[in-house]
Amino acid sequence: MTHRLPQRHRLLAPLAPWALTTAAATRVGAAHAQESWPARPVTLVVPQAVGGANDTVARAFATRLSQAIGQPIVVENRVGAGGNVGTAFVARAPRDGYTLMITAQSAQTINPSLYRNAGFDPIKDFEPVMSVATAPYLLVANPKFPANDLKGLIAYAKTRPGKIDYASAGNGTLNHLLGVMLNQRAGLHLVHIPYRGAAAAATDVVAGQVPITFGSFPGVIPFVRNGQLKVIGVATERRTKLAPDLPTLAETLPGFHVNSWYGLFAPAGTPKAVVDRIAAEGAKALADPALAERLAGQGAETAPSTPAELARLTRDDLELWTKIVKSSGATLD
């Protein structure tokens, strides 16, 4: 007796061997991509200027990663529009694992809200590879400021709404938005005074022109050590290994912390096998005590993560800063 297949099954039956062959070829191709990467030098784009915090972290990491993979890593600074130029360049780069980017959390998760058209989508245009490092931000004050901790600052500021200024590196910068966040979470009315750069802001707080500011660890800790500034608190979830004696702001104001991180990204569509290989080699590099010591000297802590963890971190921070930027009214267009 002859059993005839329904017409749909007769049409699909000849395709089955082809589908199996294609699936097998895909698996072989992915495995080959992982095995063959890297077959030539890798370009690591830094969307910020030479000598800045992101650049120094990237170069320290690139040196150790290059040793791990046995290929040169060329660090290329593509600056402009607060990091948007370099970020957009990587978003459109070949998806082969030979163009990567280390960028600051602010450029990846704050810029899309500050600019009407940043030139990239932080979620759709990138494959997260791993978090590389974190750099704590500190709330610091002139030594003559009456409060010595966050509890005292909140109490003092609540009796003087609109009369206490805080300095920042400019509109839309992380230290500006941290002040907005503090106002919202603590019910304060601190007045934002933007400067042209973090150094100028810190200098005026030292001089007593403005009483307080948020600053990066390497940007303000020299003033703290010289007695020219005092620390109100650190804006991290847990006490930083760089200065474990300093209290966090979250110890007084639960939930007040930010992830100021540097992440490694590849263009969207880069084969998963290649992304996983880069992440594995990157984790080995970050496990080197010499690299951790070098980064600590630059005010950063190693913070390795999986691709999935960086993806989640990016989404969470994008959601947070989109709300903060909108409430601040800050734009850079």
C-alpha atoms as a PDB file:
ATOM      1  CA  MET A   1       0.000   0.000   0.000  1.00  0.00           C
ATOM      2  CA  THR A   2       1.342   3.421  -0.957  1.00  0.00           C
ATOM      3  CA  HIS A   3       1.073   6.253   1.584  1.00  0.00           C
ATOM      4  CA  ARG A   4       0.996   9.654  -0.058  1.00  0.00           C
ATOM      5  CA  LEU A   5       2.206  12.695   1.857  1.00  0.00           C
ATOM      6  CA  PRO A   6      -0.077  15.716   2.019  1.00  0.00           C
ATOM      7  CA  GLN A   7       0.911  18.344  -0.547  1.00  0.00           C
ATOM      8  CA  ARG A   8       2.503  20.662   2.065  1.00  0.00           C
ATOM      9  CA  HIS A   9       4.666  17.835   3.373  1.00  0.00           C
ATOM     10  CA  ARG A  10       5.650  16.806  -0.172  1.00  0.00           C
ATOM     11  CA  LEU A  11       6.832  20.374  -0.800  1.00  0.00           C
ATOM     12  CA  LEU A  12       8.802  20.586   2.443  1.00  0.00           C
ATOM     13  CA  ALA A  13      10.334  17.112   2.368  1.00  0.00           C
ATOM     14  CA  PRO A  14      13.093  17.948  -0.184  1.00  0.00           C
ATOM     15  CA  LEU A  15      14.039  20.965   1.953  1.00  0.00           C
ATOM     16  CA  ALA A  16      14.777  18.918   5.080  1.00  0.00           C
ATOM     17  CA  PRO A  17      18.300  17.777   4.098  1.00  0.00           C
ATOM     18  CA  TRP A  18      19.097  21.343   2.987  1.00  0.00           C
ATOM     19  CA  ALA A  19      17.882  22.745   6.327  1.00  0.00           C
ATOM     20  CA  LEU A  20      20.000  20.250   8.251  1.00  0.00           C
ATOM     21  CA  THR A  21      23.012  21.089   6.110  1.00  0.00           C
ATOM     22  CA  THR A  22      22.485  24.822   6.653  1.00  0.00           C
ATOM     23  CA  ALA A  23      22.148  24.405  10.421  1.00  0.00           C
ATOM     24  CA  ALA A  24      25.295  22.318  10.518  1.00  0.00           C
ATOM     25  CA  ALA A  25      27.141  24.887   8.418  1.00  0.00           C
ATOM     26  CA  THR A  26      26.032  27.645  10.789  1.00  0.00           C
ATOM     27  CA  ARG A  27      27.384  25.716  13.758  1.00  0.00           C
ATOM     28  CA  VAL A  28      30.651  25.026  11.948  1.00  0.00           C
ATOM     29  CA  GLY A  29      30.912  28.691  10.908  1.00  0.00           C
ATOM     30  CA  ALA A  30      30.404  29.896  14.470  1.00  0.00           C
ATOM     31  CA  ALA A  31      32.973  27.440  15.767  1.00  0.00           C
ATOM     32  CA  HIS A  32      35.413  28.496  13.046  1.00  0.00           C
ATOM     33  CA  ALA A  33      34.886  32.182  13.887  1.00  0.00           C
ATOM     34  CA  GLN A  34      35.680  31.486  17.521  1.00  0.00           C
ATOM     35  CA  GLU A  35      38.751  29.411  16.667  1.00  0.00           C
ATOM     36  CA  SER A  36      40.132  31.841  14.080  1.00  0.00           C
ATOM     37  CA  TRP A  37      39.600  35.071  16.052  1.00  0.00           C
ATOM     38  CA  PRO A  38      41.874  36.967  16.247  1.00  0.00           C
ATOM     39  CA  ALA A  39      43.735  36.413  13.006  1.00  0.00           C
ATOM     40  CA  ARG A  40      44.876  40.044  12.734  1.00  0.00           C
ATOM     41  CA  PRO A  41      45.197  43.206  14.874  1.00  0.00           C
ATOM     42  CA  VAL A  42      42.104  44.489  16.682  1.00  0.00           C
ATOM     43  CA  THR A  43      41.009  48.144  16.775  1.00  0.00           C
ATOM     44  CA  LEU A  44      39.709  49.385  20.120  1.00  0.00           C
ATOM     45  CA  VAL A  45      37.787  52.636  19.717  1.00  0.00           C
ATOM     46  CA  VAL A  46      37.636  55.076  22.624  1.00  0.00           C
ATOM     47  CA  PRO A  47      34.968  57.776  22.041  1.00  0.00           C
ATOM     48  CA  GLN A  48      36.667  60.149  24.486  1.00  0.00           C
ATOM     49  CA  ALA A  49      39.886  62.155  24.348  1.00  0.00           C
ATOM     50  CA  VAL A  50      43.420  60.926  24.956  1.00  0.00           C
ATOM     51  CA  GLY A  51      44.403  61.191  28.611  1.00  0.00           C
ATOM     52  CA  GLY A  52      40.880  61.092  30.026  1.00  0.00           C
ATOM     53  CA  ALA A  53      39.645  58.455  32.459  1.00  0.00           C
ATOM     54  CA  ASN A  54      38.042  56.297  29.754  1.00  0.00           C
ATOM     55  CA  ASP A  55      41.208  56.452  27.656  1.00  0.00           C
ATOM     56  CA  THR A  56      43.533  55.459  30.493  1.00  0.00           C
ATOM     57  CA  VAL A  57      41.314  52.517  31.480  1.00  0.00           C
ATOM     58  CA  ALA A  58      41.068  51.397  27.847  1.00  0.00           C
ATOM     59  CA  ARG A  59      44.820  51.539  27.256  1.00  0.00           C
ATOM     60  CA  ALA A  60      45.630  49.630  30.445  1.00  0.00           C
ATOM     61  CA  PHE A  61      43.098  46.934  29.538  1.00  0.00           C
ATOM     62  CA  ALA A  62      44.205  46.803  25.888  1.00  0.00           C
ATOM     63  CA  THR A  63      47.824  46.162  26.860  1.00  0.00           C
ATOM     64  CA  ARG A  64      46.903  43.129  28.949  1.00  0.00           C
ATOM     65  CA  LEU A  65      44.275  41.826  26.500  1.00  0.00           C
ATOM     66  CA  SER A  66      46.760  42.072  23.628  1.00  0.00           C
ATOM     67  CA  GLN A  67      49.127  39.813  25.543  1.00  0.00           C
ATOM     68  CA  ALA A  68      46.319  37.344  26.181  1.00  0.00           C
ATOM     69  CA  ILE A  69      45.171  37.055  22.552  1.00  0.00           C
ATOM     70  CA  GLY A  70      48.588  37.306  20.908  1.00  0.00           C
ATOM     71  CA  GLN A  71      47.609  40.141  18.568  1.00  0.00           C
ATOM     72  CA  PRO A  72      48.195  43.908  18.665  1.00  0.00           C
ATOM     73  CA  ILE A  73      45.301  46.049  19.856  1.00  0.00           C
ATOM     74  CA  VAL A  74      45.313  49.522  18.343  1.00  0.00           C
ATOM     75  CA  VAL A  75      43.587  52.110  20.536  1.00  0.00           C
ATOM     76  CA  GLU A  76      41.884  54.716  18.368  1.00  0.00           C
ATOM     77  CA  ASN A  77      40.353  57.849  19.903  1.00  0.00           C
ATOM     78  CA  ARG A  78      37.351  59.077  17.895  1.00  0.00           C
ATOM     79  CA  VAL A  79      36.076  62.107  19.767  1.00  0.00           C
ATOM     80  CA  GLY A  80      33.218  64.533  19.283  1.00  0.00           C
ATOM     81  CA  ALA A  81      29.691  65.296  20.514  1.00  0.00           C
ATOM     82  CA  GLY A  82      30.352  63.954  23.996  1.00  0.00           C
ATOM     83  CA  GLY A  83      31.304  60.528  22.696  1.00  0.00           C
ATOM     84  CA  ASN A  84      28.609  60.191  20.030  1.00  0.00           C
ATOM     85  CA  VAL A  85      31.006  60.346  17.060  1.00  0.00           C
ATOM     86  CA  GLY A  86      33.080  57.352  18.102  1.00  0.00           C
ATOM     87  CA  THR A  87      30.083  55.401  19.354  1.00  0.00           C
ATOM     88  CA  ALA A  88      28.195  55.854  16.071  1.00  0.00           C
ATOM     89  CA  PHE A  89      31.325  54.794  14.166  1.00  0.00           C
ATOM     90  CA  VAL A  90      31.498  51.487  16.038  1.00  0.00           C
ATOM     91  CA  ALA A  91      27.762  50.916  15.586  1.00  0.00           C
ATOM     92  CA  ARG A  92      28.367  50.837  11.819  1.00  0.00           C
ATOM     93  CA  ALA A  93      31.666  48.927  11.858  1.00  0.00           C
ATOM     94  CA  PRO A  94      32.069  45.404  10.399  1.00  0.00           C
ATOM     95  CA  ARG A  95      30.586  42.742  12.649  1.00  0.00           C
ATOM     96  CA  ASP A  96      33.651  40.549  12.828  1.00  0.00           C
ATOM     97  CA  GLY A  97      35.187  41.213  16.232  1.00  0.00           C
ATOM     98  CA  TYR A  98      38.008  43.372  14.882  1.00  0.00           C
ATOM     99  CA  THR A  99      36.433  46.705  15.862  1.00  0.00           C
ATOM    100  CA  LEU A 100      35.524  47.021  19.532  1.00  0.00           C
ATOM    101  CA  MET A 101      34.756  49.927  21.848  1.00  0.00           C
ATOM    102  CA  ILE A 102      35.366  50.765  25.481  1.00  0.00           C
ATOM    103  CA  THR A 103      33.066  53.559  26.521  1.00  0.00           C
ATOM    104  CA  ALA A 104      31.917  55.267  29.683  1.00  0.00           C
ATOM    105  CA  GLN A 105      28.509  54.574  31.144  1.00  0.00           C
ATOM    106  CA  SER A 106      27.542  58.224  30.652  1.00  0.00           C
ATOM    107  CA  ALA A 107      28.137  58.165  26.891  1.00  0.00           C
ATOM    108  CA  GLN A 108      26.206  54.930  26.436  1.00  0.00           C
ATOM    109  CA  THR A 109      23.245  55.536  28.746  1.00  0.00           C
ATOM    110  CA  ILE A 110      22.937  59.322  29.229  1.00  0.00           C
ATOM    111  CA  ASN A 111      23.756  60.737  25.779  1.00  0.00           C
ATOM    112  CA  PRO A 112      20.762  59.114  24.043  1.00  0.00           C
ATOM    113  CA  SER A 113      18.500  61.280  26.217  1.00  0.00           C
ATOM    114  CA  LEU A 114      20.570  64.465  25.982  1.00  0.00           C
ATOM    115  CA  TYR A 115      20.700  64.548  22.176  1.00  0.00           C
ATOM    116  CA  ARG A 116      17.691  64.437  19.869  1.00  0.00           C
ATOM    117  CA  ASN A 117      19.760  62.241  17.564  1.00  0.00           C
ATOM    118  CA  ALA A 118      22.814  60.709  19.187  1.00  0.00           C
ATOM    119  CA  GLY A 119      23.491  58.716  16.008  1.00  0.00           C
ATOM    120  CA  PHE A 120      23.149  55.294  17.613  1.00  0.00           C
ATOM    121  CA  ASP A 121      20.803  53.078  19.596  1.00  0.00           C
ATOM    122  CA  PRO A 122      22.571  51.864  22.755  1.00  0.00           C
ATOM    123  CA  ILE A 123      20.591  48.617  22.794  1.00  0.00           C
ATOM    124  CA  LYS A 124      19.981  47.684  19.148  1.00  0.00           C
ATOM    125  CA  ASP A 125      23.353  48.731  17.706  1.00  0.00           C
ATOM    126  CA  PHE A 126      25.705  46.868  20.062  1.00  0.00           C
ATOM    127  CA  GLU A 127      26.627  43.478  21.441  1.00  0.00           C
ATOM    128  CA  PRO A 128      27.605  43.898  25.101  1.00  0.00           C
ATOM    129  CA  VAL A 129      30.832  42.007  25.782  1.00  0.00           C
ATOM    130  CA  MET A 130      31.773  42.771  29.376  1.00  0.00           C
ATOM    131  CA  SER A 131      32.082  45.428  32.020  1.00  0.00           C
ATOM    132  CA  VAL A 132      35.751  46.314  32.450  1.00  0.00           C
ATOM    133  CA  ALA A 133      35.976  48.701  35.398  1.00  0.00           C
ATOM    134  CA  THR A 134      34.093  51.064  37.661  1.00  0.00           C
ATOM    135  CA  ALA A 135      35.169  54.505  38.852  1.00  0.00           C
ATOM    136  CA  PRO A 136      33.438  55.808  41.989  1.00  0.00           C
ATOM    137  CA  TYR A 137      32.027  59.312  42.239  1.00  0.00           C
ATOM    138  CA  LEU A 138      32.348  61.239  45.491  1.00  0.00           C
ATOM    139  CA  LEU A 139      30.240  64.031  46.933  1.00  0.00           C
ATOM    140  CA  VAL A 140      32.792  66.501  48.292  1.00  0.00           C
ATOM    141  CA  ALA A 141      32.618  69.875  49.996  1.00  0.00           C
ATOM    142  CA  ASN A 142      34.783  72.820  50.870  1.00  0.00           C
ATOM    143  CA  PRO A 143      36.269  72.246  54.360  1.00  0.00           C
ATOM    144  CA  LYS A 144      34.351  75.266  55.703  1.00  0.00           C
ATOM    145  CA  PHE A 145      30.966  73.826  54.680  1.00  0.00           C
ATOM    146  CA  PRO A 146      29.011  73.215  57.923  1.00  0.00           C
ATOM    147  CA  ALA A 147      27.998  69.599  57.178  1.00  0.00           C
ATOM    148  CA  ASN A 148      30.464  66.716  57.364  1.00  0.00           C
ATOM    149  CA  ASP A 149      28.225  63.883  56.182  1.00  0.00           C
ATOM    150  CA  LEU A 150      25.091  63.365  54.096  1.00  0.00           C
ATOM    151  CA  LYS A 151      22.750  63.428  57.089  1.00  0.00           C
ATOM    152  CA  GLY A 152      24.124  66.812  58.078  1.00  0.00           C
ATOM    153  CA  LEU A 153      24.032  68.112  54.503  1.00  0.00           C
ATOM    154  CA  ILE A 154      20.379  67.135  54.075  1.00  0.00           C
ATOM    155  CA  ALA A 155      19.396  68.758  57.374  1.00  0.00           C
ATOM    156  CA  TYR A 156      21.326  71.937  56.551  1.00  0.00           C
ATOM    157  CA  ALA A 157      20.011  72.173  52.970  1.00  0.00           C
ATOM    158  CA  LYS A 158      16.393  71.686  54.004  1.00  0.00           C
ATOM    159  CA  THR A 159      16.563  74.848  56.075  1.00  0.00           C
ATOM    160  CA  ARG A 160      17.972  76.775  53.098  1.00  0.00           C
ATOM    161  CA  PRO A 161      16.043  75.707  49.984  1.00  0.00           C
ATOM    162  CA  GLY A 162      17.419  77.289  46.825  1.00  0.00           C
ATOM    163  CA  LYS A 163      20.344  78.870  48.662  1.00  0.00           C
ATOM    164  CA  ILE A 164      22.994  76.137  48.384  1.00  0.00           C
ATOM    165  CA  ASP A 165      24.797  75.694  45.075  1.00  0.00           C
ATOM    166  CA  TYR A 166      26.547  72.658  43.662  1.00  0.00           C
ATOM    167  CA  ALA A 167      29.122  72.747  40.871  1.00  0.00           C
ATOM    168  CA  SER A 168      29.260  70.411  37.885  1.00  0.00           C
ATOM    169  CA  ALA A 169      31.376  69.841  34.792  1.00  0.00           C
ATOM    170  CA  GLY A 170      28.529  71.153  32.630  1.00  0.00           C
ATOM    171  CA  ASN A 171      24.917  70.566  31.663  1.00  0.00           C
ATOM    172  CA  GLY A 172      24.081  66.904  31.227  1.00  0.00           C
ATOM    173  CA  THR A 173      27.273  65.618  32.826  1.00  0.00           C
ATOM    174  CA  LEU A 174      27.146  62.844  35.388  1.00  0.00           C
ATOM    175  CA  ASN A 175      27.920  65.168  38.289  1.00  0.00           C
ATOM    176  CA  HIS A 176      25.108  67.500  37.173  1.00  0.00           C
ATOM    177  CA  LEU A 177      22.617  64.629  37.044  1.00  0.00           C
ATOM    178  CA  LEU A 178      23.792  63.206  40.363  1.00  0.00           C
ATOM    179  CA  GLY A 179      22.792  66.531  41.895  1.00  0.00           C
ATOM    180  CA  VAL A 180      19.376  66.291  40.240  1.00  0.00           C
ATOM    181  CA  MET A 181      19.027  62.771  41.599  1.00  0.00           C
ATOM    182  CA  LEU A 182      20.014  63.910  45.114  1.00  0.00           C
ATOM    183  CA  ASN A 183      17.441  66.704  44.994  1.00  0.00           C
ATOM    184  CA  GLN A 184      14.743  64.213  44.009  1.00  0.00           C
ATOM    185  CA  ARG A 185      15.645  61.448  46.449  1.00  0.00           C
ATOM    186  CA  ALA A 186      16.302  63.685  49.483  1.00  0.00           C
ATOM    187  CA  GLY A 187      13.674  66.356  48.793  1.00  0.00           C
ATOM    188  CA  LEU A 188      16.230  69.142  48.428  1.00  0.00           C
ATOM    189  CA  HIS A 189      16.563  72.269  46.296  1.00  0.00           C
ATOM    190  CA  LEU A 190      20.288  72.497  45.550  1.00  0.00           C
ATOM    191  CA  VAL A 191      21.048  74.956  42.743  1.00  0.00           C
ATOM    192  CA  HIS A 192      23.095  73.721  39.790  1.00  0.00           C
ATOM    193  CA  ILE A 193      26.113  75.809  38.722  1.00  0.00           C
ATOM    194  CA  PRO A 194      27.607  74.403  35.490  1.00  0.00           C
ATOM    195  CA  TYR A 195      31.307  74.841  34.690  1.00  0.00           C
ATOM    196  CA  ARG A 196      33.352  74.102  31.601  1.00  0.00           C
ATOM    197  CA  GLY A 197      34.875  70.879  32.852  1.00  0.00           C
ATOM    198  CA  ALA A 198      35.297  68.951  36.093  1.00  0.00           C
ATOM    199  CA  ALA A 199      38.656  70.530  36.936  1.00  0.00           C
ATOM    200  CA  ALA A 200      37.190  74.043  36.920  1.00  0.00           C
ATOM    201  CA  ALA A 201      34.283  72.912  39.094  1.00  0.00           C
ATOM    202  CA  ALA A 202      36.560  71.266  41.669  1.00  0.00           C
ATOM    203  CA  THR A 203      38.882  74.274  41.709  1.00  0.00           C
ATOM    204  CA  ASP A 204      36.054  76.641  42.594  1.00  0.00           C
ATOM    205  CA  VAL A 205      34.833  74.359  45.373  1.00  0.00           C
ATOM    206  CA  VAL A 206      38.374  74.336  46.778  1.00  0.00           C
ATOM    207  CA  ALA A 207      38.359  78.148  46.577  1.00  0.00           C
ATOM    208  CA  GLY A 208      35.012  78.348  48.353  1.00  0.00           C
ATOM    209  CA  GLN A 209      33.139  79.916  45.435  1.00  0.00           C
ATOM    210  CA  VAL A 210      30.685  76.983  45.449  1.00  0.00           C
ATOM    211  CA  PRO A 211      30.292  74.738  48.512  1.00  0.00           C
ATOM    212  CA  ILE A 212      29.845  71.233  47.062  1.00  0.00           C
ATOM    213  CA  THR A 213      30.279  69.093  43.958  1.00  0.00           C
ATOM    214  CA  PHE A 214      30.231  65.502  42.778  1.00  0.00           C
ATOM    215  CA  GLY A 215      33.544  64.415  41.297  1.00  0.00           C
ATOM    216  CA  SER A 216      35.270  61.298  40.024  1.00  0.00           C
ATOM    217  CA  PHE A 217      37.652  59.593  42.438  1.00  0.00           C
ATOM    218  CA  PRO A 218      40.835  60.545  40.538  1.00  0.00           C
ATOM    219  CA  GLY A 219      39.517  64.063  39.946  1.00  0.00           C
ATOM    220  CA  VAL A 220      38.914  64.989  43.586  1.00  0.00           C
ATOM    221  CA  ILE A 221      40.888  62.618  45.815  1.00  0.00           C
ATOM    222  CA  PRO A 222      44.144  64.624  45.491  1.00  0.00           C
ATOM    223  CA  PHE A 223      42.317  67.641  46.962  1.00  0.00           C
ATOM    224  CA  VAL A 224      40.929  65.435  49.736  1.00  0.00           C
ATOM    225  CA  ARG A 225      44.375  64.130  50.632  1.00  0.00           C
ATOM    226  CA  ASN A 226      45.709  67.686  50.733  1.00  0.00           C
ATOM    227  CA  GLY A 227      42.919  68.796  53.058  1.00  0.00           C
ATOM    228  CA  GLN A 228      41.446  71.125  50.430  1.00  0.00           C
ATOM    229  CA  LEU A 229      38.179  69.172  50.167  1.00  0.00           C
ATOM    230  CA  LYS A 230      36.288  66.886  52.526  1.00  0.00           C
ATOM    231  CA  VAL A 231      34.245  63.821  51.557  1.00  0.00           C
ATOM    232  CA  ILE A 232      30.526  63.808  52.318  1.00  0.00           C
ATOM    233  CA  GLY A 233      30.093  60.311  50.866  1.00  0.00           C
ATOM    234  CA  VAL A 234      30.761  57.954  47.968  1.00  0.00           C
ATOM    235  CA  ALA A 235      28.034  57.380  45.361  1.00  0.00           C
ATOM    236  CA  THR A 236      28.534  53.603  45.150  1.00  0.00           C
ATOM    237  CA  GLU A 237      26.310  50.777  46.360  1.00  0.00           C
ATOM    238  CA  ARG A 238      29.069  49.357  48.571  1.00  0.00           C
ATOM    239  CA  ARG A 239      32.204  50.936  50.001  1.00  0.00           C
ATOM    240  CA  THR A 240      34.924  51.208  47.399  1.00  0.00           C
ATOM    241  CA  LYS A 241      38.091  49.156  47.734  1.00  0.00           C
ATOM    242  CA  LEU A 242      39.991  52.294  46.775  1.00  0.00           C
ATOM    243  CA  ALA A 243      39.045  53.953  50.074  1.00  0.00           C
ATOM    244  CA  PRO A 244      37.095  51.536  52.285  1.00  0.00           C
ATOM    245  CA  ASP A 245      36.981  53.974  55.213  1.00  0.00           C
ATOM    246  CA  LEU A 246      34.811  56.422  53.271  1.00  0.00           C
ATOM    247  CA  PRO A 247      31.041  55.981  53.858  1.00  0.00           C
ATOM    248  CA  THR A 248      28.631  55.559  50.982  1.00  0.00           C
ATOM    249  CA  LEU A 249      25.755  57.963  50.460  1.00  0.00           C
ATOM    250  CA  ALA A 250      23.468  54.917  50.388  1.00  0.00           C
ATOM    251  CA  GLU A 251      24.250  54.255  54.049  1.00  0.00           C
ATOM    252  CA  THR A 252      22.251  57.399  54.833  1.00  0.00           C
ATOM    253  CA  LEU A 253      19.978  57.543  51.775  1.00  0.00           C
ATOM    254  CA  PRO A 254      19.144  53.928  50.805  1.00  0.00           C
ATOM    255  CA  GLY A 255      19.067  53.351  47.058  1.00  0.00           C
ATOM    256  CA  PHE A 256      21.185  56.388  46.227  1.00  0.00           C
ATOM    257  CA  HIS A 257      24.026  54.949  44.190  1.00  0.00           C
ATOM    258  CA  VAL A 258      25.166  54.907  40.590  1.00  0.00           C
ATOM    259  CA  ASN A 259      27.199  52.561  38.448  1.00  0.00           C
ATOM    260  CA  SER A 260      29.912  54.675  36.860  1.00  0.00           C
ATOM    261  CA  TRP A 261      31.337  51.963  34.641  1.00  0.00           C
ATOM    262  CA  TYR A 262      33.434  51.390  31.540  1.00  0.00           C
ATOM    263  CA  GLY A 263      32.085  48.711  29.211  1.00  0.00           C
ATOM    264  CA  LEU A 264      33.426  46.751  26.258  1.00  0.00           C
ATOM    265  CA  PHE A 265      31.061  46.556  23.273  1.00  0.00           C
ATOM    266  CA  ALA A 266      31.075  45.094  19.751  1.00  0.00           C
ATOM    267  CA  PRO A 267      28.820  46.045  16.821  1.00  0.00           C
ATOM    268  CA  ALA A 268      25.429  44.310  16.839  1.00  0.00           C
ATOM    269  CA  GLY A 269      25.531  41.099  14.829  1.00  0.00           C
ATOM    270  CA  THR A 270      29.057  40.123  15.848  1.00  0.00           C
ATOM    271  CA  PRO A 271      28.983  36.294  16.096  1.00  0.00           C
ATOM    272  CA  LYS A 272      28.186  35.057  19.587  1.00  0.00           C
ATOM    273  CA  ALA A 273      31.182  32.734  19.468  1.00  0.00           C
ATOM    274  CA  VAL A 274      33.474  35.714  18.917  1.00  0.00           C
ATOM    275  CA  VAL A 275      31.784  37.778  21.649  1.00  0.00           C
ATOM    276  CA  ASP A 276      32.141  34.878  24.078  1.00  0.00           C
ATOM    277  CA  ARG A 277      35.805  34.424  23.165  1.00  0.00           C
ATOM    278  CA  ILE A 278      36.537  38.130  23.707  1.00  0.00           C
ATOM    279  CA  ALA A 279      34.693  38.060  27.044  1.00  0.00           C
ATOM    280  CA  ALA A 280      36.648  34.998  28.173  1.00  0.00           C
ATOM    281  CA  GLU A 281      40.002  36.529  27.238  1.00  0.00           C
ATOM    282  CA  GLY A 282      38.966  39.828  28.811  1.00  0.00           C
ATOM    283  CA  ALA A 283      38.101  38.100  32.074  1.00  0.00           C
ATOM    284  CA  LYS A 284      41.557  36.514  32.119  1.00  0.00           C
ATOM    285  CA  ALA A 285      43.130  39.927  31.551  1.00  0.00           C
ATOM    286  CA  LEU A 286      41.160  41.517  34.394  1.00  0.00           C
ATOM    287  CA  ALA A 287      42.203  38.708  36.745  1.00  0.00           C
ATOM    288  CA  ASP A 288      45.804  39.922  36.502  1.00  0.00           C
ATOM    289  CA  PRO A 289      46.733  41.622  39.820  1.00  0.00           C
ATOM    290  CA  ALA A 290      49.120  43.932  37.965  1.00  0.00           C
ATOM    291  CA  LEU A 291      46.242  45.305  35.868  1.00  0.00           C
ATOM    292  CA  ALA A 292      44.069  45.757  38.957  1.00  0.00           C
ATOM    293  CA  GLU A 293      46.898  47.669  40.617  1.00  0.00           C
ATOM    294  CA  ARG A 294      47.404  49.839  37.547  1.00  0.00           C
ATOM    295  CA  LEU A 295      43.703  50.683  37.336  1.00  0.00           C
ATOM    296  CA  ALA A 296      43.561  51.426  41.063  1.00  0.00           C
ATOM    297  CA  GLY A 297      46.316  53.969  40.511  1.00  0.00           C
ATOM    298  CA  GLN A 298      43.980  55.665  38.025  1.00  0.00           C
ATOM    299  CA  GLY A 299      41.004  55.669  40.401  1.00  0.00           C
ATOM    300  CA  ALA A 300      39.209  52.645  38.976  1.00  0.00           C
ATOM    301  CA  GLU A 301      38.394  49.113  40.123  1.00  0.00           C
ATOM    302  CA  THR A 302      38.286  46.058  37.872  1.00  0.00           C
ATOM    303  CA  ALA A 303      34.682  44.907  37.430  1.00  0.00           C
ATOM    304  CA  PRO A 304      34.469  41.931  35.035  1.00  0.00           C
ATOM    305  CA  SER A 305      31.026  40.770  33.954  1.00  0.00           C
ATOM    306  CA  THR A 306      29.375  38.453  31.458  1.00  0.00           C
ATOM    307  CA  PRO A 307      27.805  39.802  28.246  1.00  0.00           C
ATOM    308  CA  ALA A 308      24.348  39.235  29.753  1.00  0.00           C
ATOM    309  CA  GLU A 309      25.250  41.160  32.901  1.00  0.00           C
ATOM    310  CA  LEU A 310      26.500  44.149  30.896  1.00  0.00           C
ATOM    311  CA  ALA A 311      23.347  44.041  28.766  1.00  0.00           C
ATOM    312  CA  ARG A 312      21.203  44.196  31.903  1.00  0.00           C
ATOM    313  CA  LEU A 313      23.344  46.960  33.407  1.00  0.00           C
ATOM    314  CA  THR A 314      23.034  49.021  30.216  1.00  0.00           C
ATOM    315  CA  ARG A 315      19.251  48.645  30.122  1.00  0.00           C
ATOM    316  CA  ASP A 316      18.827  49.477  33.806  1.00  0.00           C
ATOM    317  CA  ASP A 317      21.026  52.574  33.608  1.00  0.00           C
ATOM    318  CA  LEU A 318      19.399  53.719  30.376  1.00  0.00           C
ATOM    319  CA  GLU A 319      16.009  53.588  32.093  1.00  0.00           C
ATOM    320  CA  LEU A 320      17.310  55.433  35.164  1.00  0.00           C
ATOM    321  CA  TRP A 321      19.083  58.242  33.326  1.00  0.00           C
ATOM    322  CA  THR A 322      16.321  58.735  30.776  1.00  0.00           C
ATOM    323  CA  LYS A 323      14.012  59.661  33.657  1.00  0.00           C
ATOM    324  CA  ILE A 324      16.607  61.857  35.390  1.00  0.00           C
ATOM    325  CA  VAL A 325      17.526  63.728  32.196  1.00  0.00           C
ATOM    326  CA  LYS A 326      13.879  64.321  31.330  1.00  0.00           C
ATOM    327  CA  SER A 327      13.144  65.695  34.789  1.00  0.00           C
ATOM    328  CA  SER A 328      16.232  67.946  34.670  1.00  0.00           C
ATOM    329  CA  GLY A 329      15.287  69.433  31.308  1.00  0.00           C
ATOM    330  CA  ALA A 330      18.919  69.157  30.170  1.00  0.00           C
ATOM    331  CA  THR A 331      19.675  68.987  26.436  1.00  0.00           C
ATOM    332  CA  LEU A 332      22.862  69.328  24.411  1.00  0.00           C
ATOM    333  CA  ASP A 333      21.376  69.994  20.961  1.00  0.00           C
END
